[in-house]
Amino acid sequence: MVHMSGHRPYVIRGSVSLPEAELMWRFSRSSGPGGQHVNTSDSQVELRFDLAGTEALPEVWKERALERLASRLVDGVVSVRASEHRSQWRNREMAATRLASLLAEATAPPPKPRRATRIPRGINERRLREKKRRGETKQGRSGKGWG
């Protein structure tokens, strides 16, 4: 594992961003594009983030993320891989962006509960009248009783 000090923070949401010091990077040979070059360079990137042990996220967010990402966690650590690009740098950018959006999604507040609304009676009656008329029109096309 390598700890990298980067240049720009990856924002999760609002003023909260991924703490560079807590990101663990690992590089390995990628199976992606790159011809003979791919056999010699470590362009695949694995980015790990200790979700359970971090202090960077508000407690509520952390609990929410731990619950929602439970199936992806190994000992409280979430891991993201990127190997689409030939360049290690671009794969690093991709992995960090992916992790940030994954955490943004996992820490998002639950949606507001849906409030049931009543359909006005006039609208419903008009809809049913229209359905009846369409049915009669289609019935007329069948050619029954022509002969």
Protein backbone atom coordinates (compact mmCIF):
# COMPACT_ATOMS: atom_id res chain seq x y z
CA MET A 1 0.00 0.00 0.00
CA VAL A 2 1.20 3.48 -0.85
CA HIS A 3 -0.03 6.74 0.71
CA MET A 4 -0.10 9.48 -1.90
CA SER A 5 -0.27 13.20 -1.29
CA GLY A 6 -2.38 14.65 -4.07
CA HIS A 7 -3.06 18.08 -5.42
CA ARG A 8 -6.83 18.56 -5.44
CA PRO A 9 -9.39 17.34 -2.93
CA TYR A 10 -12.14 15.01 -4.13
CA VAL A 11 -15.34 16.53 -2.80
CA ILE A 12 -17.96 14.12 -1.49
CA ARG A 13 -20.64 16.71 -0.78
CA GLY A 14 -20.61 20.30 0.46
CA SER A 15 -17.40 21.04 2.34
CA VAL A 16 -16.62 17.36 3.04
CA SER A 17 -13.94 15.81 0.84
CA LEU A 18 -11.82 12.66 0.79
CA PRO A 19 -8.90 13.06 3.22
CA GLU A 20 -5.69 12.44 1.21
CA ALA A 21 -3.89 11.07 4.29
CA GLU A 22 -6.48 8.29 4.68
CA LEU A 23 -6.40 7.09 1.06
CA MET A 24 -4.40 3.92 0.48
CA TRP A 25 -3.23 3.33 -3.08
CA ARG A 26 -2.00 0.10 -4.64
CA PHE A 27 -0.73 -0.26 -8.18
CA SER A 28 -0.50 -3.42 -10.24
CA ARG A 29 -0.29 -4.59 -13.83
CA SER A 30 -3.46 -3.98 -15.72
CA SER A 31 -5.12 -6.32 -18.19
CA GLY A 32 -6.55 -3.36 -20.09
CA PRO A 33 -5.37 -1.68 -23.32
CA GLY A 34 -1.71 -0.83 -23.85
CA GLY A 35 -0.04 -3.50 -26.03
CA GLN A 36 3.45 -4.52 -24.94
CA HIS A 37 3.62 -1.49 -22.65
CA VAL A 38 0.97 -3.07 -20.40
CA ASN A 39 3.34 -5.90 -19.49
CA THR A 40 5.87 -3.55 -17.94
CA SER A 41 3.87 -0.81 -16.23
CA ASP A 42 1.72 -0.84 -13.11
CA SER A 43 -1.24 1.10 -14.49
CA GLN A 44 -4.09 -0.61 -12.62
CA VAL A 45 -5.03 1.34 -9.52
CA GLU A 46 -6.73 0.09 -6.38
CA LEU A 47 -7.85 2.76 -3.95
CA ARG A 48 -8.81 1.77 -0.40
CA PHE A 49 -10.49 3.93 2.23
CA ASP A 50 -11.05 2.94 5.86
CA LEU A 51 -14.69 3.93 6.22
CA ALA A 52 -15.09 2.48 9.70
CA GLY A 53 -12.02 4.26 11.11
CA THR A 54 -12.26 7.65 9.41
CA GLU A 55 -12.82 10.88 11.30
CA ALA A 56 -13.35 12.91 8.12
CA LEU A 57 -17.04 12.12 7.74
CA PRO A 58 -19.78 13.38 10.04
CA GLU A 59 -20.97 10.56 12.31
CA VAL A 60 -24.45 10.40 10.73
CA TRP A 61 -22.96 10.08 7.24
CA LYS A 62 -20.54 7.41 8.41
CA GLU A 63 -23.30 5.26 9.91
CA ARG A 64 -25.41 5.68 6.78
CA ALA A 65 -22.48 4.74 4.50
CA LEU A 66 -21.47 1.73 6.62
CA GLU A 67 -25.05 0.46 6.44
CA ARG A 68 -25.50 1.05 2.69
CA LEU A 69 -22.07 -0.23 1.63
CA ALA A 70 -22.04 -3.21 4.02
CA SER A 71 -21.83 -5.73 1.15
CA ARG A 72 -18.77 -3.96 -0.34
CA LEU A 73 -16.79 -3.54 2.87
CA VAL A 74 -13.95 -5.77 4.03
CA ASP A 75 -13.13 -5.05 7.69
CA GLY A 76 -14.69 -1.59 7.34
CA VAL A 77 -12.56 -0.72 4.30
CA VAL A 78 -14.14 0.18 0.96
CA SER A 79 -12.09 -0.55 -2.15
CA VAL A 80 -12.35 0.84 -5.71
CA ARG A 81 -10.44 -0.30 -8.80
CA ALA A 82 -9.67 1.45 -12.08
CA SER A 83 -7.83 0.05 -15.09
CA GLU A 84 -9.63 1.56 -18.10
CA HIS A 85 -6.81 3.89 -19.11
CA ARG A 86 -3.23 3.20 -20.15
CA SER A 87 -1.97 5.94 -17.87
CA GLN A 88 -1.64 5.27 -14.15
CA TRP A 89 -2.35 8.93 -13.44
CA ARG A 90 -5.69 8.84 -15.29
CA ASN A 91 -6.62 5.60 -13.53
CA ARG A 92 -5.82 7.27 -10.20
CA GLU A 93 -8.08 10.19 -11.06
CA MET A 94 -10.80 7.74 -12.12
CA ALA A 95 -10.54 5.67 -8.91
CA ALA A 96 -10.64 8.74 -6.64
CA THR A 97 -13.63 10.19 -8.52
CA ARG A 98 -15.40 6.83 -8.31
CA LEU A 99 -14.79 6.57 -4.57
CA ALA A 100 -16.01 10.14 -3.99
CA SER A 101 -19.24 9.54 -5.93
CA LEU A 102 -19.76 6.17 -4.21
CA LEU A 103 -19.47 7.85 -0.81
CA ALA A 104 -21.66 10.76 -1.93
CA GLU A 105 -24.37 8.29 -2.92
CA ALA A 106 -23.99 6.23 0.26
CA THR A 107 -24.10 9.24 2.58
CA ALA A 108 -27.04 10.98 0.86
CA PRO A 109 -30.01 11.63 3.13
CA PRO A 110 -32.94 9.26 2.61
CA PRO A 111 -35.56 10.60 0.18
CA LYS A 112 -38.60 12.36 1.61
CA PRO A 113 -41.53 9.98 2.05
CA ARG A 114 -44.08 10.20 -0.73
CA ARG A 115 -47.31 11.93 0.16
CA ALA A 116 -50.36 10.34 -1.42
CA THR A 117 -52.50 12.78 -3.37
CA ARG A 118 -56.12 12.37 -4.36
CA ILE A 119 -57.06 12.60 -8.01
CA PRO A 120 -59.95 15.05 -8.46
CA ARG A 121 -63.18 13.26 -9.33
CA GLY A 122 -63.75 15.23 -12.55
CA ILE A 123 -60.34 14.23 -13.94
CA ASN A 124 -60.92 10.56 -13.11
CA GLU A 125 -64.39 10.58 -14.72
CA ARG A 126 -63.00 12.24 -17.84
CA ARG A 127 -60.26 9.58 -18.04
CA LEU A 128 -62.81 6.76 -17.74
CA ARG A 129 -65.07 8.37 -20.39
CA GLU A 130 -62.09 8.65 -22.74
CA LYS A 131 -61.19 4.97 -22.13
CA LYS A 132 -64.76 3.93 -22.89
CA ARG A 133 -64.76 5.94 -26.13
CA ARG A 134 -61.41 4.44 -27.25
CA GLY A 135 -62.73 0.96 -26.50
CA GLU A 136 -65.84 1.57 -28.59
CA THR A 137 -63.75 2.94 -31.46
CA LYS A 138 -61.55 -0.17 -31.43
CA GLN A 139 -64.59 -2.46 -31.10
CA GLY A 140 -65.96 -0.82 -34.26
CA ARG A 141 -62.82 -1.80 -36.19
CA SER A 142 -63.23 -5.53 -35.53
CA GLY A 143 -65.83 -5.98 -38.30
CA LYS A 144 -68.16 -8.02 -36.08
CA GLY A 145 -71.86 -7.88 -36.98
CA TRP A 146 -71.17 -6.90 -40.60
CA GLY A 147 -72.87 -9.60 -42.12
